[in-house]
Amino acid sequence: MVDGDGIVTEGTYPQTTRLEGGYTVLEVPSRDAALEWAAKIAVACRCAQEVREFQYDPAS
C-alpha cells in the first residue's frame, strides 16, 4: 500500500473481499517508478493505493 506522502506499507486492505472502485494499469521501468505513481494517484484519489506487479517480462 502506498499513501499520498509516499509511505509504503506491506499488505492490502484487510477488510476488502472484492474489488471496490477501479484500477490503473501502468507500464513503468521499475518498482520504484510504480511506487512514485501510486503516491501521485493516492493524492489525487485521497486514499492509499495497492501496488501489484503482473506480466513481468525480463526481456523488457
C-alpha atoms as a PDB file:
ATOM      1  CA  MET A   1       0.000   0.000   0.000  1.00  0.00           C
ATOM      2  CA  VAL A   2       1.263   3.476  -0.842  1.00  0.00           C
ATOM      3  CA  ASP A   3      -0.039   6.608   0.876  1.00  0.00           C
ATOM      4  CA  GLY A   4      -0.096  10.039  -0.714  1.00  0.00           C
ATOM      5  CA  ASP A   5       3.043  11.016   1.195  1.00  0.00           C
ATOM      6  CA  GLY A   6       4.917   8.078  -0.362  1.00  0.00           C
ATOM      7  CA  ILE A   7       4.968   5.849   2.726  1.00  0.00           C
ATOM      8  CA  VAL A   8       4.935   2.187   1.660  1.00  0.00           C
ATOM      9  CA  THR A   9       3.451  -0.487   3.930  1.00  0.00           C
ATOM     10  CA  GLU A  10       3.154  -4.229   3.318  1.00  0.00           C
ATOM     11  CA  GLY A  11      -0.251  -5.773   2.841  1.00  0.00           C
ATOM     12  CA  THR A  12      -3.576  -4.902   1.320  1.00  0.00           C
ATOM     13  CA  TYR A  13      -6.920  -3.637   2.537  1.00  0.00           C
ATOM     14  CA  PRO A  14      -7.727  -6.374   5.092  1.00  0.00           C
ATOM     15  CA  GLN A  15     -11.447  -5.620   5.168  1.00  0.00           C
ATOM     16  CA  THR A  16     -11.848  -5.950   1.381  1.00  0.00           C
ATOM     17  CA  THR A  17     -13.020  -9.230  -0.116  1.00  0.00           C
ATOM     18  CA  ARG A  18     -13.721  -7.827  -3.572  1.00  0.00           C
ATOM     19  CA  LEU A  19     -12.537  -5.025  -5.838  1.00  0.00           C
ATOM     20  CA  GLU A  20     -14.098  -1.706  -4.890  1.00  0.00           C
ATOM     21  CA  GLY A  21     -13.715   1.231  -7.234  1.00  0.00           C
ATOM     22  CA  GLY A  22     -11.300   0.746 -10.072  1.00  0.00           C
ATOM     23  CA  TYR A  23      -7.741   0.076 -11.027  1.00  0.00           C
ATOM     24  CA  THR A  24      -4.962   1.611 -13.062  1.00  0.00           C
ATOM     25  CA  VAL A  25      -2.515  -0.298 -15.248  1.00  0.00           C
ATOM     26  CA  LEU A  26       0.816   1.393 -15.903  1.00  0.00           C
ATOM     27  CA  GLU A  27       3.918   0.186 -17.712  1.00  0.00           C
ATOM     28  CA  VAL A  28       6.866   1.583 -15.797  1.00  0.00           C
ATOM     29  CA  PRO A  29      10.596   0.782 -15.850  1.00  0.00           C
ATOM     30  CA  SER A  30      10.933  -0.188 -12.176  1.00  0.00           C
ATOM     31  CA  ARG A  31       9.145  -0.896  -8.903  1.00  0.00           C
ATOM     32  CA  ASP A  32      10.344   2.474  -7.600  1.00  0.00           C
ATOM     33  CA  ALA A  33       8.632   4.202 -10.519  1.00  0.00           C
ATOM     34  CA  ALA A  34       5.440   2.261  -9.776  1.00  0.00           C
ATOM     35  CA  LEU A  35       5.551   3.392  -6.145  1.00  0.00           C
ATOM     36  CA  GLU A  36       6.037   7.022  -7.217  1.00  0.00           C
ATOM     37  CA  TRP A  37       2.993   6.797  -9.485  1.00  0.00           C
ATOM     38  CA  ALA A  38       0.956   5.124  -6.759  1.00  0.00           C
ATOM     39  CA  ALA A  39       1.753   8.021  -4.414  1.00  0.00           C
ATOM     40  CA  LYS A  40       0.602  10.528  -7.063  1.00  0.00           C
ATOM     41  CA  ILE A  41      -2.631   8.600  -7.604  1.00  0.00           C
ATOM     42  CA  ALA A  42      -3.176   8.336  -3.833  1.00  0.00           C
ATOM     43  CA  VAL A  43      -3.030  12.124  -3.577  1.00  0.00           C
ATOM     44  CA  ALA A  44      -5.495  12.554  -6.442  1.00  0.00           C
ATOM     45  CA  CYS A  45      -7.906   9.908  -5.113  1.00  0.00           C
ATOM     46  CA  ARG A  46      -7.376  10.795  -1.438  1.00  0.00           C
ATOM     47  CA  CYS A  47      -6.808   7.149  -0.465  1.00  0.00           C
ATOM     48  CA  ALA A  48      -3.915   4.708  -0.291  1.00  0.00           C
ATOM     49  CA  GLN A  49      -3.200   2.642  -3.398  1.00  0.00           C
ATOM     50  CA  GLU A  50      -2.343  -1.043  -3.657  1.00  0.00           C
ATOM     51  CA  VAL A  51       0.552  -1.887  -5.996  1.00  0.00           C
ATOM     52  CA  ARG A  52       0.782  -5.255  -7.741  1.00  0.00           C
ATOM     53  CA  GLU A  53       3.218  -6.491 -10.361  1.00  0.00           C
ATOM     54  CA  PHE A  54       1.901  -8.677 -13.152  1.00  0.00           C
ATOM     55  CA  GLN A  55       3.024  -9.976 -16.523  1.00  0.00           C
ATOM     56  CA  TYR A  56       6.676  -9.331 -15.748  1.00  0.00           C
ATOM     57  CA  ASP A  57       8.812  -9.657 -18.873  1.00  0.00           C
ATOM     58  CA  PRO A  58      12.530  -9.903 -18.011  1.00  0.00           C
ATOM     59  CA  ALA A  59      13.446  -9.091 -21.615  1.00  0.00           C
ATOM     60  CA  SER A  60      11.812  -5.659 -21.458  1.00  0.00           C
END
